[in-house]
Each structure stands twice: as structure tokens, then as C-alpha cells.
Amino acid sequence: MVSEEDNEEDYKLMKERAGEFAKLCIKNEWKFTQEINDCDEGVAVYFDIKGRNNKIITVFYKDNGYVGIQLKDEDEDE
């Protein structure tokens, strides 16, 4: 079982990594949106970045330390 202290550390790490990624997006002048949502039994921060050829790149950071990347067409239903 994961302790509350471990959960807090994971959450702090997620916020730090997501913040650094947001700075990178801004520095490179990428068009992006950011959203925080419930995810499984925790929280995740999602960044949708507009790519070429009507593609959306989603980078997400979960509070359990998981980082993921997803690519989809802009007009794709969720």
C-alpha cells in the first residue's frame, strides 16, 4: 500500500515536471492547451500541442509518476 507521504511526493514531482514542460512549450512558442483532470484514482496534467498535418500531440503527467505521449488527428473523436 502506498503511503500518503509517497502520494504527496509523487504529486509534487508531477507538478514540477508539468511546470518545466509548460515552460518549454512557451519558450518554443508552441500552441498548446493545458488541462488537469481526474485520472484513474488520481490526477493528471494534459498538454495538447498542435502539430503539423492536423495532428494533436498529447503529453500527460500523472501523479503516480507516469508520463505518456499520444498522437491523434485533430478531427478525431475522443
PDB file of N, CA and C in Angstrom:
ATOM      1  N   MET A   1       0.841  -1.183   0.000  1.00  0.00           N
ATOM      2  CA  MET A   1       0.000   0.000   0.000  1.00  0.00           C
ATOM      3  C   MET A   1       0.883   1.241   0.000  1.00  0.00           C
ATOM      4  N   VAL A   2       0.502   2.250  -0.777  1.00  0.00           N
ATOM      5  CA  VAL A   2       1.269   3.477  -0.899  1.00  0.00           C
ATOM      6  C   VAL A   2       0.871   4.435   0.216  1.00  0.00           C
ATOM      7  N   SER A   3       1.865   5.002   0.877  1.00  0.00           N
ATOM      8  CA  SER A   3       1.588   5.913   1.983  1.00  0.00           C
ATOM      9  C   SER A   3       1.158   7.283   1.470  1.00  0.00           C
ATOM     10  N   GLU A   4       0.527   8.033   2.342  1.00  0.00           N
ATOM     11  CA  GLU A   4       0.090   9.385   1.988  1.00  0.00           C
ATOM     12  C   GLU A   4       1.295  10.269   1.687  1.00  0.00           C
ATOM     13  N   GLU A   5       2.392  10.034   2.393  1.00  0.00           N
ATOM     14  CA  GLU A   5       3.623  10.788   2.160  1.00  0.00           C
ATOM     15  C   GLU A   5       4.176  10.518   0.765  1.00  0.00           C
ATOM     16  N   ASP A   6       4.148   9.266   0.322  1.00  0.00           N
ATOM     17  CA  ASP A   6       4.590   8.927  -1.038  1.00  0.00           C
ATOM     18  C   ASP A   6       3.694   9.588  -2.075  1.00  0.00           C
ATOM     19  N   ASN A   7       2.380   9.597  -1.822  1.00  0.00           N
ATOM     20  CA  ASN A   7       1.444  10.252  -2.736  1.00  0.00           C
ATOM     21  C   ASN A   7       1.747  11.733  -2.866  1.00  0.00           C
ATOM     22  N   GLU A   8       2.064  12.390  -1.757  1.00  0.00           N
ATOM     23  CA  GLU A   8       2.395  13.812  -1.791  1.00  0.00           C
ATOM     24  C   GLU A   8       3.660  14.058  -2.603  1.00  0.00           C
ATOM     25  N   GLU A   9       4.666  13.211  -2.423  1.00  0.00           N
ATOM     26  CA  GLU A   9       5.911  13.357  -3.174  1.00  0.00           C
ATOM     27  C   GLU A   9       5.672  13.154  -4.672  1.00  0.00           C
ATOM     28  N   ASP A  10       4.873  12.148  -5.029  1.00  0.00           N
ATOM     29  CA  ASP A  10       4.539  11.908  -6.439  1.00  0.00           C
ATOM     30  C   ASP A  10       3.804  13.102  -7.028  1.00  0.00           C
ATOM     31  N   TYR A  11       2.882  13.678  -6.267  1.00  0.00           N
ATOM     32  CA  TYR A  11       2.111  14.835  -6.734  1.00  0.00           C
ATOM     33  C   TYR A  11       3.028  16.040  -6.938  1.00  0.00           C
ATOM     34  N   LYS A  12       3.941  16.269  -6.009  1.00  0.00           N
ATOM     35  CA  LYS A  12       4.891  17.384  -6.140  1.00  0.00           C
ATOM     36  C   LYS A  12       5.771  17.193  -7.369  1.00  0.00           C
ATOM     37  N   LEU A  13       6.224  15.956  -7.601  1.00  0.00           N
ATOM     38  CA  LEU A  13       7.050  15.663  -8.767  1.00  0.00           C
ATOM     39  C   LEU A  13       6.267  15.890 -10.060  1.00  0.00           C
ATOM     40  N   MET A  14       4.998  15.488 -10.096  1.00  0.00           N
ATOM     41  CA  MET A  14       4.156  15.713 -11.270  1.00  0.00           C
ATOM     42  C   MET A  14       4.047  17.208 -11.548  1.00  0.00           C
ATOM     43  N   LYS A  15       3.772  18.016 -10.519  1.00  0.00           N
ATOM     44  CA  LYS A  15       3.645  19.463 -10.701  1.00  0.00           C
ATOM     45  C   LYS A  15       4.946  20.068 -11.215  1.00  0.00           C
ATOM     46  N   GLU A  16       6.075  19.616 -10.681  1.00  0.00           N
ATOM     47  CA  GLU A  16       7.370  20.131 -11.108  1.00  0.00           C
ATOM     48  C   GLU A  16       7.645  19.793 -12.574  1.00  0.00           C
ATOM     49  N   ARG A  17       7.432  18.538 -12.946  1.00  0.00           N
ATOM     50  CA  ARG A  17       7.683  18.115 -14.334  1.00  0.00           C
ATOM     51  C   ARG A  17       6.732  18.803 -15.305  1.00  0.00           C
ATOM     52  N   ALA A  18       5.467  18.909 -14.941  1.00  0.00           N
ATOM     53  CA  ALA A  18       4.486  19.575 -15.804  1.00  0.00           C
ATOM     54  C   ALA A  18       4.829  21.059 -15.950  1.00  0.00           C
ATOM     55  N   GLY A  19       5.274  21.675 -14.877  1.00  0.00           N
ATOM     56  CA  GLY A  19       5.669  23.082 -14.939  1.00  0.00           C
ATOM     57  C   GLY A  19       6.849  23.303 -15.865  1.00  0.00           C
ATOM     58  N   GLU A  20       7.835  22.424 -15.786  1.00  0.00           N
ATOM     59  CA  GLU A  20       9.000  22.521 -16.676  1.00  0.00           C
ATOM     60  C   GLU A  20       8.592  22.320 -18.131  1.00  0.00           C
ATOM     61  N   PHE A  21       7.663  21.391 -18.370  1.00  0.00           N
ATOM     62  CA  PHE A  21       7.212  21.154 -19.740  1.00  0.00           C
ATOM     63  C   PHE A  21       6.450  22.374 -20.262  1.00  0.00           C
ATOM     64  N   ALA A  22       5.625  22.989 -19.421  1.00  0.00           N
ATOM     65  CA  ALA A  22       4.892  24.189 -19.831  1.00  0.00           C
ATOM     66  C   ALA A  22       5.867  25.307 -20.206  1.00  0.00           C
ATOM     67  N   LYS A  23       6.934  25.465 -19.433  1.00  0.00           N
ATOM     68  CA  LYS A  23       7.950  26.471 -19.754  1.00  0.00           C
ATOM     69  C   LYS A  23       8.586  26.184 -21.110  1.00  0.00           C
ATOM     70  N   LEU A  24       8.860  24.907 -21.390  1.00  0.00           N
ATOM     71  CA  LEU A  24       9.434  24.518 -22.679  1.00  0.00           C
ATOM     72  C   LEU A  24       8.487  24.883 -23.826  1.00  0.00           C
ATOM     73  N   CYS A  25       7.201  24.608 -23.640  1.00  0.00           N
ATOM     74  CA  CYS A  25       6.202  24.932 -24.680  1.00  0.00           C
ATOM     75  C   CYS A  25       6.160  26.437 -24.937  1.00  0.00           C
ATOM     76  N   ILE A  26       6.178  27.210 -23.868  1.00  0.00           N
ATOM     77  CA  ILE A  26       6.118  28.669 -24.001  1.00  0.00           C
ATOM     78  C   ILE A  26       7.386  29.198 -24.660  1.00  0.00           C
ATOM     79  N   LYS A  27       8.534  28.703 -24.209  1.00  0.00           N
ATOM     80  CA  LYS A  27       9.816  29.147 -24.754  1.00  0.00           C
ATOM     81  C   LYS A  27       9.893  28.898 -26.256  1.00  0.00           C
ATOM     82  N   ASN A  28       9.375  27.753 -26.702  1.00  0.00           N
ATOM     83  CA  ASN A  28       9.417  27.402 -28.126  1.00  0.00           C
ATOM     84  C   ASN A  28       8.224  27.912 -28.915  1.00  0.00           C
ATOM     85  N   GLU A  29       7.338  28.660 -28.234  1.00  0.00           N
ATOM     86  CA  GLU A  29       6.156  29.268 -28.847  1.00  0.00           C
ATOM     87  C   GLU A  29       5.248  28.241 -29.522  1.00  0.00           C
ATOM     88  N   TRP A  30       5.125  27.068 -28.879  1.00  0.00           N
ATOM     89  CA  TRP A  30       4.211  26.054 -29.372  1.00  0.00           C
ATOM     90  C   TRP A  30       2.795  26.425 -28.957  1.00  0.00           C
ATOM     91  N   LYS A  31       1.831  26.179 -29.831  1.00  0.00           N
ATOM     92  CA  LYS A  31       0.428  26.394 -29.493  1.00  0.00           C
ATOM     93  C   LYS A  31      -0.048  25.182 -28.713  1.00  0.00           C
ATOM     94  N   PHE A  32      -0.506  25.413 -27.476  1.00  0.00           N
ATOM     95  CA  PHE A  32      -0.914  24.285 -26.648  1.00  0.00           C
ATOM     96  C   PHE A  32      -2.027  24.696 -25.694  1.00  0.00           C
ATOM     97  N   THR A  33      -2.736  23.690 -25.221  1.00  0.00           N
ATOM     98  CA  THR A  33      -3.692  23.885 -24.136  1.00  0.00           C
ATOM     99  C   THR A  33      -3.276  22.948 -23.006  1.00  0.00           C
ATOM    100  N   GLN A  34      -3.629  23.347 -21.800  1.00  0.00           N
ATOM    101  CA  GLN A  34      -3.298  22.547 -20.624  1.00  0.00           C
ATOM    102  C   GLN A  34      -4.575  22.288 -19.853  1.00  0.00           C
ATOM    103  N   GLU A  35      -4.700  21.069 -19.341  1.00  0.00           N
ATOM    104  CA  GLU A  35      -5.904  20.692 -18.601  1.00  0.00           C
ATOM    105  C   GLU A  35      -5.508  19.746 -17.469  1.00  0.00           C
ATOM    106  N   ILE A  36      -6.144  19.898 -16.342  1.00  0.00           N
ATOM    107  CA  ILE A  36      -5.932  18.999 -15.210  1.00  0.00           C
ATOM    108  C   ILE A  36      -7.230  18.237 -14.992  1.00  0.00           C
ATOM    109  N   ASN A  37      -7.135  16.904 -14.949  1.00  0.00           N
ATOM    110  CA  ASN A  37      -8.323  16.058 -14.814  1.00  0.00           C
ATOM    111  C   ASN A  37      -8.074  14.928 -13.837  1.00  0.00           C
ATOM    112  N   ASP A  38      -9.182  14.369 -13.349  1.00  0.00           N
ATOM    113  CA  ASP A  38      -9.089  13.125 -12.594  1.00  0.00           C
ATOM    114  C   ASP A  38      -8.659  12.035 -13.564  1.00  0.00           C
ATOM    115  N   CYS A  39      -7.822  11.141 -13.092  1.00  0.00           N
ATOM    116  CA  CYS A  39      -7.314  10.073 -13.938  1.00  0.00           C
ATOM    117  C   CYS A  39      -7.154   8.830 -13.087  1.00  0.00           C
ATOM    118  N   ASP A  40      -7.867   7.793 -13.423  1.00  0.00           N
ATOM    119  CA  ASP A  40      -7.871   6.575 -12.626  1.00  0.00           C
ATOM    120  C   ASP A  40      -8.212   6.966 -11.184  1.00  0.00           C
ATOM    121  N   GLU A  41      -7.321   6.717 -10.257  1.00  0.00           N
ATOM    122  CA  GLU A  41      -7.585   7.087  -8.868  1.00  0.00           C
ATOM    123  C   GLU A  41      -6.711   8.257  -8.443  1.00  0.00           C
ATOM    124  N   GLY A  42      -6.362   9.123  -9.388  1.00  0.00           N
ATOM    125  CA  GLY A  42      -5.501  10.253  -9.079  1.00  0.00           C
ATOM    126  C   GLY A  42      -5.795  11.432  -9.973  1.00  0.00           C
ATOM    127  N   VAL A  43      -4.750  12.182 -10.276  1.00  0.00           N
ATOM    128  CA  VAL A  43      -4.857  13.400 -11.077  1.00  0.00           C
ATOM    129  C   VAL A  43      -3.792  13.347 -12.163  1.00  0.00           C
ATOM    130  N   ALA A  44      -4.090  13.972 -13.304  1.00  0.00           N
ATOM    131  CA  ALA A  44      -3.110  14.077 -14.386  1.00  0.00           C
ATOM    132  C   ALA A  44      -3.194  15.457 -15.021  1.00  0.00           C
ATOM    133  N   VAL A  45      -2.056  15.916 -15.527  1.00  0.00           N
ATOM    134  CA  VAL A  45      -1.970  17.174 -16.261  1.00  0.00           C
ATOM    135  C   VAL A  45      -1.751  16.806 -17.720  1.00  0.00           C
ATOM    136  N   TYR A  46      -2.608  17.334 -18.601  1.00  0.00           N
ATOM    137  CA  TYR A  46      -2.551  17.039 -20.029  1.00  0.00           C
ATOM    138  C   TYR A  46      -2.165  18.297 -20.805  1.00  0.00           C
ATOM    139  N   PHE A  47      -1.256  18.147 -21.760  1.00  0.00           N
ATOM    140  CA  PHE A  47      -0.882  19.212 -22.679  1.00  0.00           C
ATOM    141  C   PHE A  47      -1.230  18.746 -24.077  1.00  0.00           C
ATOM    142  N   ASP A  48      -2.083  19.477 -24.779  1.00  0.00           N
ATOM    143  CA  ASP A  48      -2.381  19.208 -26.188  1.00  0.00           C
ATOM    144  C   ASP A  48      -1.628  20.236 -27.023  1.00  0.00           C
ATOM    145  N   ILE A  49      -0.749  19.747 -27.885  1.00  0.00           N
ATOM    146  CA  ILE A  49       0.082  20.608 -28.722  1.00  0.00           C
ATOM    147  C   ILE A  49      -0.337  20.400 -30.166  1.00  0.00           C
ATOM    148  N   LYS A  50      -0.593  21.499 -30.853  1.00  0.00           N
ATOM    149  CA  LYS A  50      -0.990  21.418 -32.255  1.00  0.00           C
ATOM    150  C   LYS A  50       0.242  21.146 -33.101  1.00  0.00           C
ATOM    151  N   GLY A  51       0.204  20.048 -33.833  1.00  0.00           N
ATOM    152  CA  GLY A  51       1.313  19.663 -34.699  1.00  0.00           C
ATOM    153  C   GLY A  51       0.994  19.924 -36.157  1.00  0.00           C
ATOM    154  N   ARG A  52       1.846  19.429 -37.018  1.00  0.00           N
ATOM    155  CA  ARG A  52       1.617  19.563 -38.465  1.00  0.00           C
ATOM    156  C   ARG A  52       0.585  18.555 -38.931  1.00  0.00           C
ATOM    157  N   ASN A  53       0.031  18.812 -40.113  1.00  0.00           N
ATOM    158  CA  ASN A  53      -0.896  17.894 -40.778  1.00  0.00           C
ATOM    159  C   ASN A  53      -2.099  17.532 -39.909  1.00  0.00           C
ATOM    160  N   ASN A  54      -2.651  18.536 -39.211  1.00  0.00           N
ATOM    161  CA  ASN A  54      -3.844  18.349 -38.368  1.00  0.00           C
ATOM    162  C   ASN A  54      -3.656  17.290 -37.289  1.00  0.00           C
ATOM    163  N   LYS A  55      -2.472  17.210 -36.735  1.00  0.00           N
ATOM    164  CA  LYS A  55      -2.188  16.266 -35.665  1.00  0.00           C
ATOM    165  C   LYS A  55      -2.181  16.999 -34.322  1.00  0.00           C
ATOM    166  N   ILE A  56      -2.619  16.308 -33.295  1.00  0.00           N
ATOM    167  CA  ILE A  56      -2.554  16.794 -31.924  1.00  0.00           C
ATOM    168  C   ILE A  56      -1.651  15.847 -31.141  1.00  0.00           C
ATOM    169  N   ILE A  57      -0.647  16.402 -30.501  1.00  0.00           N
ATOM    170  CA  ILE A  57       0.255  15.628 -29.661  1.00  0.00           C
ATOM    171  C   ILE A  57      -0.158  15.897 -28.217  1.00  0.00           C
ATOM    172  N   THR A  58      -0.515  14.853 -27.498  1.00  0.00           N
ATOM    173  CA  THR A  58      -0.892  14.984 -26.097  1.00  0.00           C
ATOM    174  C   THR A  58       0.226  14.404 -25.240  1.00  0.00           C
ATOM    175  N   VAL A  59       0.746  15.234 -24.350  1.00  0.00           N
ATOM    176  CA  VAL A  59       1.740  14.809 -23.374  1.00  0.00           C
ATOM    177  C   VAL A  59       1.058  14.892 -22.022  1.00  0.00           C
ATOM    178  N   PHE A  60       1.159  13.822 -21.228  1.00  0.00           N
ATOM    179  CA  PHE A  60       0.491  13.880 -19.923  1.00  0.00           C
ATOM    180  C   PHE A  60       1.387  13.360 -18.810  1.00  0.00           C
ATOM    181  N   TYR A  61       1.183  13.977 -17.671  1.00  0.00           N
ATOM    182  CA  TYR A  61       1.925  13.647 -16.457  1.00  0.00           C
ATOM    183  C   TYR A  61       0.919  13.224 -15.403  1.00  0.00           C
ATOM    184  N   LYS A  62       1.052  12.008 -14.892  1.00  0.00           N
ATOM    185  CA  LYS A  62       0.152  11.515 -13.854  1.00  0.00           C
ATOM    186  C   LYS A  62       0.815  11.654 -12.489  1.00  0.00           C
ATOM    187  N   ASP A  63      -0.017  11.740 -11.465  1.00  0.00           N
ATOM    188  CA  ASP A  63       0.517  11.925 -10.116  1.00  0.00           C
ATOM    189  C   ASP A  63       1.188  10.675  -9.559  1.00  0.00           C
ATOM    190  N   ASN A  64       1.147   9.573 -10.283  1.00  0.00           N
ATOM    191  CA  ASN A  64       1.861   8.368  -9.839  1.00  0.00           C
ATOM    192  C   ASN A  64       3.237   8.251 -10.498  1.00  0.00           C
ATOM    193  N   GLY A  65       3.657   9.316 -11.214  1.00  0.00           N
ATOM    194  CA  GLY A  65       4.966   9.329 -11.849  1.00  0.00           C
ATOM    195  C   GLY A  65       4.959   8.945 -13.316  1.00  0.00           C
ATOM    196  N   TYR A  66       3.828   8.458 -13.824  1.00  0.00           N
ATOM    197  CA  TYR A  66       3.730   8.025 -15.219  1.00  0.00           C
ATOM    198  C   TYR A  66       3.700   9.239 -16.152  1.00  0.00           C
ATOM    199  N   VAL A  67       4.461   9.166 -17.238  1.00  0.00           N
ATOM    200  CA  VAL A  67       4.464  10.190 -18.276  1.00  0.00           C
ATOM    201  C   VAL A  67       4.124   9.497 -19.581  1.00  0.00           C
ATOM    202  N   GLY A  68       3.228  10.093 -20.367  1.00  0.00           N
ATOM    203  CA  GLY A  68       2.844   9.473 -21.620  1.00  0.00           C
ATOM    204  C   GLY A  68       2.723  10.476 -22.752  1.00  0.00           C
ATOM    205  N   ILE A  69       2.772   9.964 -23.966  1.00  0.00           N
ATOM    206  CA  ILE A  69       2.622  10.774 -25.177  1.00  0.00           C
ATOM    207  C   ILE A  69       1.653  10.051 -26.090  1.00  0.00           C
ATOM    208  N   GLN A  70       0.751  10.817 -26.694  1.00  0.00           N
ATOM    209  CA  GLN A  70      -0.258  10.247 -27.584  1.00  0.00           C
ATOM    210  C   GLN A  70      -0.368  11.141 -28.814  1.00  0.00           C
ATOM    211  N   LEU A  71      -0.539  10.556 -29.981  1.00  0.00           N
ATOM    212  CA  LEU A  71      -0.707  11.293 -31.224  1.00  0.00           C
ATOM    213  C   LEU A  71      -2.047  10.940 -31.836  1.00  0.00           C
ATOM    214  N   LYS A  72      -2.798  11.953 -32.247  1.00  0.00           N
ATOM    215  CA  LYS A  72      -4.082  11.697 -32.895  1.00  0.00           C
ATOM    216  C   LYS A  72      -4.381  12.804 -33.893  1.00  0.00           C
ATOM    217  N   ASP A  73      -5.336  12.534 -34.798  1.00  0.00           N
ATOM    218  CA  ASP A  73      -5.784  13.546 -35.746  1.00  0.00           C
ATOM    219  C   ASP A  73      -6.631  14.563 -35.018  1.00  0.00           C
ATOM    220  N   GLU A  74      -6.534  15.821 -35.446  1.00  0.00           N
ATOM    221  CA  GLU A  74      -7.267  16.904 -34.805  1.00  0.00           C
ATOM    222  C   GLU A  74      -8.770  16.676 -34.825  1.00  0.00           C
ATOM    223  N   ASP A  75      -9.292  16.100 -35.890  1.00  0.00           N
ATOM    224  CA  ASP A  75     -10.733  15.907 -36.016  1.00  0.00           C
ATOM    225  C   ASP A  75     -11.204  14.572 -35.464  1.00  0.00           C
ATOM    226  N   GLU A  76     -10.327  13.816 -34.829  1.00  0.00           N
ATOM    227  CA  GLU A  76     -10.684  12.514 -34.258  1.00  0.00           C
ATOM    228  C   GLU A  76     -11.569  12.700 -33.029  1.00  0.00           C
ATOM    229  N   ASP A  77     -12.623  11.902 -32.932  1.00  0.00           N
ATOM    230  CA  ASP A  77     -13.479  11.944 -31.755  1.00  0.00           C
ATOM    231  C   ASP A  77     -12.765  11.323 -30.580  1.00  0.00           C
ATOM    232  N   GLU A  78     -13.051  11.831 -29.387  1.00  0.00           N
ATOM    233  CA  GLU A  78     -12.398  11.294 -28.190  1.00  0.00           C
ATOM    234  C   GLU A  78     -13.146  10.165 -27.593  1.00  0.00           C
TER     235      GLU A  78
END
